[in-house]
């Protein structure tokens, strides 16, 4: 009986584990002022892949990394010309807040999940 209760408890915990999959509107505090960018993310367990779009400031770049214990860690994939790393925490209000690092330095960023166009 104890084993059954433990299994049910683990299943319920896994069912409510947060996901960061979706499209996120980002605000980056760059040296040139606030910059609006986006992340489109897919999640498979703790593995995260997606695309970082800087809205014309840089080319779109593939990203990959992990999301574990509420912490997102990403970096540009392949041989991206501009290497970028992202670290953020998923906050209680459902937003992300963290630091983006690249050759020009570290920049704070926040992101809010965009509503799915499929929702009515």
N, C-alpha and C. Protein backbone atom coordinates (compact mmCIF):
# COMPACT_ATOMS: atom_id res chain seq x y z
N UNK A 1 0.82 -1.20 0.00
CA UNK A 1 0.00 0.00 0.00
C UNK A 1 0.86 1.26 0.00
N UNK A 2 1.94 1.26 0.81
CA UNK A 2 2.83 2.43 0.85
C UNK A 2 3.46 2.67 -0.52
N UNK A 3 3.80 1.58 -1.21
CA UNK A 3 4.40 1.71 -2.53
C UNK A 3 3.41 2.35 -3.50
N UNK A 4 2.16 1.94 -3.45
CA UNK A 4 1.13 2.51 -4.32
C UNK A 4 0.95 4.00 -4.05
N UNK A 5 0.92 4.39 -2.80
CA UNK A 5 0.79 5.81 -2.45
C UNK A 5 2.00 6.60 -2.97
N UNK A 6 3.20 6.04 -2.84
CA UNK A 6 4.40 6.72 -3.33
C UNK A 6 4.35 6.89 -4.84
N UNK A 7 3.91 5.86 -5.55
CA UNK A 7 3.83 5.93 -7.02
C UNK A 7 2.81 6.98 -7.45
N UNK A 8 1.64 7.00 -6.80
CA UNK A 8 0.62 7.99 -7.13
C UNK A 8 1.13 9.39 -6.83
N UNK A 9 1.84 9.57 -5.71
CA UNK A 9 2.41 10.87 -5.36
C UNK A 9 3.41 11.35 -6.39
N UNK A 10 4.28 10.46 -6.85
CA UNK A 10 5.26 10.84 -7.88
C UNK A 10 4.58 11.18 -9.19
N UNK A 11 3.56 10.43 -9.56
CA UNK A 11 2.83 10.72 -10.80
C UNK A 11 2.16 12.08 -10.73
N UNK A 12 1.56 12.40 -9.59
CA UNK A 12 0.92 13.71 -9.44
C UNK A 12 1.94 14.83 -9.48
N UNK A 13 3.09 14.63 -8.85
CA UNK A 13 4.14 15.66 -8.87
C UNK A 13 4.64 15.89 -10.29
N UNK A 14 4.81 14.81 -11.05
CA UNK A 14 5.27 14.95 -12.44
C UNK A 14 4.23 15.64 -13.29
N UNK A 15 2.95 15.39 -12.99
CA UNK A 15 1.87 15.99 -13.79
C UNK A 15 1.79 17.50 -13.61
N UNK A 16 2.22 18.02 -12.48
CA UNK A 16 2.13 19.46 -12.24
C UNK A 16 3.49 20.15 -12.35
N UNK A 17 4.51 19.43 -12.81
CA UNK A 17 5.82 20.04 -12.98
C UNK A 17 5.71 21.17 -14.00
N UNK A 18 6.32 22.33 -13.72
CA UNK A 18 6.21 23.45 -14.64
C UNK A 18 6.90 23.17 -15.98
N UNK A 19 6.37 23.77 -17.01
CA UNK A 19 6.95 23.67 -18.35
C UNK A 19 7.28 25.07 -18.84
N UNK A 20 8.35 25.19 -19.59
CA UNK A 20 8.69 26.48 -20.18
C UNK A 20 8.49 26.45 -21.70
N UNK A 21 7.84 25.40 -22.19
CA UNK A 21 7.56 25.30 -23.63
C UNK A 21 6.62 26.43 -24.04
N UNK A 22 6.88 26.97 -25.23
CA UNK A 22 6.04 28.02 -25.76
C UNK A 22 6.86 29.17 -26.29
N UNK A 23 6.19 30.24 -26.63
CA UNK A 23 6.87 31.44 -27.16
C UNK A 23 6.88 32.50 -26.07
N UNK A 24 8.05 33.05 -25.84
CA UNK A 24 8.27 34.04 -24.79
C UNK A 24 8.69 35.37 -25.39
N UNK A 25 8.06 36.44 -24.95
CA UNK A 25 8.46 37.80 -25.33
C UNK A 25 9.47 38.28 -24.30
N UNK A 26 10.67 38.61 -24.78
CA UNK A 26 11.76 38.98 -23.88
C UNK A 26 12.03 40.48 -23.93
N UNK A 27 12.44 41.01 -22.80
CA UNK A 27 12.95 42.38 -22.73
C UNK A 27 14.36 42.30 -22.19
N UNK A 28 15.33 42.73 -23.00
CA UNK A 28 16.75 42.66 -22.64
C UNK A 28 17.26 44.06 -22.37
N UNK A 29 17.89 44.25 -21.22
CA UNK A 29 18.51 45.54 -20.87
C UNK A 29 19.90 45.59 -21.51
N UNK A 30 19.96 46.05 -22.76
CA UNK A 30 21.23 46.08 -23.49
C UNK A 30 21.95 47.41 -23.25
N UNK A 31 23.23 47.49 -23.62
CA UNK A 31 23.96 48.76 -23.48
C UNK A 31 23.33 49.90 -24.29
N UNK A 32 22.49 49.55 -25.27
CA UNK A 32 21.85 50.55 -26.12
C UNK A 32 20.39 50.80 -25.72
N UNK A 33 20.01 50.31 -24.54
CA UNK A 33 18.64 50.47 -24.08
C UNK A 33 17.86 49.17 -24.15
N UNK A 34 16.59 49.24 -23.79
CA UNK A 34 15.75 48.04 -23.79
C UNK A 34 15.58 47.50 -25.21
N UNK A 35 15.69 46.18 -25.34
CA UNK A 35 15.58 45.50 -26.62
C UNK A 35 14.51 44.42 -26.49
N UNK A 36 13.56 44.37 -27.41
CA UNK A 36 12.54 43.34 -27.39
C UNK A 36 12.96 42.20 -28.30
N UNK A 37 13.00 41.00 -27.76
CA UNK A 37 13.40 39.80 -28.50
C UNK A 37 12.41 38.69 -28.14
N UNK A 38 12.66 37.49 -28.64
CA UNK A 38 11.77 36.38 -28.28
C UNK A 38 12.51 35.06 -28.25
N UNK A 39 11.95 34.14 -27.49
CA UNK A 39 12.42 32.76 -27.43
C UNK A 39 11.24 31.86 -27.74
N UNK A 40 11.43 30.92 -28.65
CA UNK A 40 10.44 29.89 -28.90
C UNK A 40 11.04 28.59 -28.42
N UNK A 41 10.44 27.98 -27.40
CA UNK A 41 11.05 26.84 -26.73
C UNK A 41 10.19 25.59 -26.79
N UNK A 42 10.87 24.44 -26.90
CA UNK A 42 10.25 23.13 -26.79
C UNK A 42 10.93 22.42 -25.64
N UNK A 43 10.17 21.61 -24.91
CA UNK A 43 10.73 20.95 -23.74
C UNK A 43 10.41 19.46 -23.77
N UNK A 44 11.43 18.64 -23.54
CA UNK A 44 11.28 17.19 -23.43
C UNK A 44 11.96 16.80 -22.12
N UNK A 45 11.15 16.60 -21.07
CA UNK A 45 11.65 16.36 -19.72
C UNK A 45 12.47 17.58 -19.30
N UNK A 46 13.78 17.43 -19.05
CA UNK A 46 14.58 18.60 -18.65
C UNK A 46 15.30 19.22 -19.85
N UNK A 47 15.28 18.56 -21.01
CA UNK A 47 15.97 19.08 -22.21
C UNK A 47 15.12 20.14 -22.89
N UNK A 48 15.76 21.25 -23.25
CA UNK A 48 15.06 22.36 -23.90
C UNK A 48 15.80 22.71 -25.20
N UNK A 49 15.02 22.90 -26.27
CA UNK A 49 15.56 23.37 -27.55
C UNK A 49 14.66 24.48 -28.05
N UNK A 50 15.17 25.27 -28.99
CA UNK A 50 14.34 26.32 -29.53
C UNK A 50 15.09 27.31 -30.39
N UNK A 51 14.50 28.48 -30.54
CA UNK A 51 15.06 29.54 -31.37
C UNK A 51 15.00 30.86 -30.64
N UNK A 52 16.12 31.58 -30.65
CA UNK A 52 16.20 32.95 -30.13
C UNK A 52 16.10 33.89 -31.32
N UNK A 53 15.13 34.80 -31.27
CA UNK A 53 14.93 35.77 -32.34
C UNK A 53 15.16 37.16 -31.76
N UNK A 54 16.11 37.89 -32.35
CA UNK A 54 16.44 39.22 -31.81
C UNK A 54 15.79 40.35 -32.60
N UNK A 55 14.84 40.03 -33.45
CA UNK A 55 14.10 41.04 -34.22
C UNK A 55 15.01 41.96 -35.02
N UNK A 56 15.97 41.35 -35.73
CA UNK A 56 16.83 42.11 -36.63
C UNK A 56 18.16 42.56 -36.06
N UNK A 57 18.36 42.45 -34.76
CA UNK A 57 19.64 42.86 -34.17
C UNK A 57 20.73 41.84 -34.48
N UNK A 58 20.37 40.57 -34.50
CA UNK A 58 21.27 39.45 -34.82
C UNK A 58 20.46 38.45 -35.64
N UNK A 59 21.12 37.52 -36.32
CA UNK A 59 20.35 36.48 -37.01
C UNK A 59 19.64 35.58 -35.99
N UNK A 60 18.53 34.95 -36.40
CA UNK A 60 17.88 33.98 -35.52
C UNK A 60 18.87 32.87 -35.20
N UNK A 61 18.85 32.40 -33.96
CA UNK A 61 19.82 31.38 -33.53
C UNK A 61 19.12 30.25 -32.79
N UNK A 62 19.54 29.02 -33.09
CA UNK A 62 19.06 27.85 -32.37
C UNK A 62 19.68 27.86 -30.98
N UNK A 63 18.89 27.47 -29.97
CA UNK A 63 19.38 27.36 -28.60
C UNK A 63 19.06 25.98 -28.07
N UNK A 64 19.87 25.54 -27.11
CA UNK A 64 19.61 24.27 -26.44
C UNK A 64 20.13 24.34 -25.02
N UNK A 65 19.52 23.54 -24.16
CA UNK A 65 19.95 23.54 -22.77
C UNK A 65 19.01 22.73 -21.91
N UNK A 66 18.84 23.19 -20.65
CA UNK A 66 18.04 22.45 -19.69
C UNK A 66 17.12 23.36 -18.90
N UNK A 67 16.07 22.76 -18.37
CA UNK A 67 15.19 23.41 -17.41
C UNK A 67 14.98 22.42 -16.28
N UNK A 68 15.54 22.76 -15.12
CA UNK A 68 15.49 21.84 -13.98
C UNK A 68 15.35 22.64 -12.71
N UNK A 69 14.45 22.21 -11.84
CA UNK A 69 14.23 22.86 -10.54
C UNK A 69 13.95 24.35 -10.70
N UNK A 70 13.21 24.71 -11.75
CA UNK A 70 12.83 26.10 -11.96
C UNK A 70 13.90 26.98 -12.56
N UNK A 71 15.03 26.38 -12.98
CA UNK A 71 16.14 27.16 -13.54
C UNK A 71 16.34 26.78 -15.01
N UNK A 72 16.33 27.78 -15.87
CA UNK A 72 16.56 27.61 -17.31
C UNK A 72 18.00 27.97 -17.63
N UNK A 73 18.69 27.08 -18.33
CA UNK A 73 20.05 27.32 -18.80
C UNK A 73 20.09 26.96 -20.28
N UNK A 74 20.40 27.96 -21.11
CA UNK A 74 20.45 27.77 -22.56
C UNK A 74 21.73 28.38 -23.11
N UNK A 75 22.14 27.89 -24.27
CA UNK A 75 23.19 28.56 -25.03
C UNK A 75 22.93 28.34 -26.50
N UNK A 76 23.47 29.24 -27.31
CA UNK A 76 23.28 29.11 -28.75
C UNK A 76 23.94 27.81 -29.21
N UNK A 77 23.30 27.14 -30.16
CA UNK A 77 23.73 25.83 -30.61
C UNK A 77 24.61 25.95 -31.85
N UNK A 78 25.15 24.83 -32.22
CA UNK A 78 25.99 24.73 -33.42
C UNK A 78 27.17 25.69 -33.34
N UNK A 79 27.50 26.28 -34.47
CA UNK A 79 28.63 27.21 -34.53
C UNK A 79 28.11 28.63 -34.73
N UNK A 80 27.19 29.03 -33.88
CA UNK A 80 26.63 30.38 -34.01
C UNK A 80 27.75 31.41 -33.94
N UNK A 81 27.69 32.39 -34.83
CA UNK A 81 28.73 33.43 -34.89
C UNK A 81 28.79 34.21 -33.59
N UNK A 82 27.65 34.46 -32.99
CA UNK A 82 27.57 35.22 -31.75
C UNK A 82 27.13 34.27 -30.64
N UNK A 83 28.07 33.77 -29.84
CA UNK A 83 27.75 32.84 -28.77
C UNK A 83 27.02 33.57 -27.65
N UNK A 84 25.86 33.06 -27.26
CA UNK A 84 25.06 33.66 -26.21
C UNK A 84 24.66 32.58 -25.22
N UNK A 85 24.76 32.88 -23.94
CA UNK A 85 24.24 31.99 -22.91
C UNK A 85 23.12 32.72 -22.17
N UNK A 86 22.12 31.95 -21.78
CA UNK A 86 20.95 32.48 -21.07
C UNK A 86 20.81 31.70 -19.77
N UNK A 87 20.61 32.39 -18.68
CA UNK A 87 20.25 31.75 -17.42
C UNK A 87 19.09 32.53 -16.84
N UNK A 88 18.10 31.80 -16.32
CA UNK A 88 16.94 32.48 -15.75
C UNK A 88 16.23 31.56 -14.78
N UNK A 89 15.43 32.18 -13.93
CA UNK A 89 14.57 31.43 -13.02
C UNK A 89 13.13 31.67 -13.43
N UNK A 90 12.32 30.62 -13.32
CA UNK A 90 10.89 30.76 -13.52
C UNK A 90 10.30 31.26 -12.21
N UNK A 91 9.73 32.44 -12.24
CA UNK A 91 9.20 33.07 -11.04
C UNK A 91 7.78 32.60 -10.75
N UNK A 92 7.31 32.84 -9.54
CA UNK A 92 5.97 32.40 -9.14
C UNK A 92 4.87 32.97 -10.02
N UNK A 93 5.09 34.15 -10.60
CA UNK A 93 4.07 34.76 -11.46
C UNK A 93 4.11 34.22 -12.89
N UNK A 94 4.98 33.21 -13.15
CA UNK A 94 5.04 32.59 -14.47
C UNK A 94 5.97 33.27 -15.45
N UNK A 95 6.69 34.31 -15.01
CA UNK A 95 7.64 34.99 -15.89
C UNK A 95 9.04 34.43 -15.66
N UNK A 96 9.94 34.74 -16.58
CA UNK A 96 11.35 34.37 -16.44
C UNK A 96 12.15 35.63 -16.15
N UNK A 97 13.20 35.49 -15.35
CA UNK A 97 14.09 36.60 -15.06
C UNK A 97 15.50 36.06 -14.92
N UNK A 98 16.46 36.70 -15.64
CA UNK A 98 17.82 36.19 -15.59
C UNK A 98 18.84 37.08 -16.25
N UNK A 99 19.93 36.43 -16.67
CA UNK A 99 21.07 37.11 -17.27
C UNK A 99 21.41 36.46 -18.60
N UNK A 100 21.65 37.28 -19.60
CA UNK A 100 22.09 36.86 -20.92
C UNK A 100 23.54 37.30 -21.04
N UNK A 101 24.43 36.40 -21.47
CA UNK A 101 25.85 36.74 -21.59
C UNK A 101 26.32 36.55 -23.03
N UNK A 102 27.04 37.55 -23.54
CA UNK A 102 27.62 37.48 -24.88
C UNK A 102 28.89 38.32 -24.91
N UNK A 103 29.51 38.44 -26.06
CA UNK A 103 30.82 39.11 -26.14
C UNK A 103 30.81 40.56 -25.67
N UNK A 104 29.68 41.24 -25.72
CA UNK A 104 29.62 42.64 -25.27
C UNK A 104 29.35 42.76 -23.78
N UNK A 105 29.12 41.62 -23.10
CA UNK A 105 28.91 41.64 -21.66
C UNK A 105 27.64 40.94 -21.23
N UNK A 106 27.34 41.07 -19.95
CA UNK A 106 26.15 40.46 -19.36
C UNK A 106 25.01 41.47 -19.36
N UNK A 107 23.81 40.97 -19.62
CA UNK A 107 22.62 41.83 -19.65
C UNK A 107 21.47 41.14 -18.93
N UNK A 108 20.76 41.89 -18.12
CA UNK A 108 19.58 41.35 -17.46
C UNK A 108 18.46 41.22 -18.47
N UNK A 109 17.61 40.20 -18.28
CA UNK A 109 16.46 40.03 -19.15
C UNK A 109 15.29 39.44 -18.37
N UNK A 110 14.11 39.73 -18.87
CA UNK A 110 12.88 39.16 -18.34
C UNK A 110 12.07 38.67 -19.53
N UNK A 111 11.15 37.76 -19.28
CA UNK A 111 10.32 37.26 -20.37
C UNK A 111 8.95 36.87 -19.84
N UNK A 112 7.97 37.05 -20.71
CA UNK A 112 6.60 36.69 -20.40
C UNK A 112 6.11 35.77 -21.51
N UNK A 113 5.47 34.67 -21.10
CA UNK A 113 4.95 33.73 -22.10
C UNK A 113 3.84 34.39 -22.89
N UNK A 114 3.90 34.27 -24.21
CA UNK A 114 2.88 34.83 -25.08
C UNK A 114 1.71 33.86 -25.17
N UNK A 115 0.51 34.39 -25.27
CA UNK A 115 -0.69 33.55 -25.40
C UNK A 115 -0.61 32.78 -26.72
N UNK A 116 -1.04 31.55 -26.69
CA UNK A 116 -1.09 30.74 -27.89
C UNK A 116 -2.17 31.31 -28.81
N UNK A 117 -1.89 31.35 -30.10
CA UNK A 117 -2.88 31.83 -31.07
C UNK A 117 -4.04 30.86 -31.21
N UNK A 118 -3.84 29.60 -30.74
CA UNK A 118 -4.88 28.59 -30.82
C UNK A 118 -5.95 28.78 -29.75
N UNK A 119 -5.63 29.51 -28.66
CA UNK A 119 -6.60 29.71 -27.59
C UNK A 119 -7.68 30.67 -28.05
N UNK A 120 -8.89 30.43 -27.63
CA UNK A 120 -10.01 31.30 -28.02
C UNK A 120 -10.64 31.89 -26.82
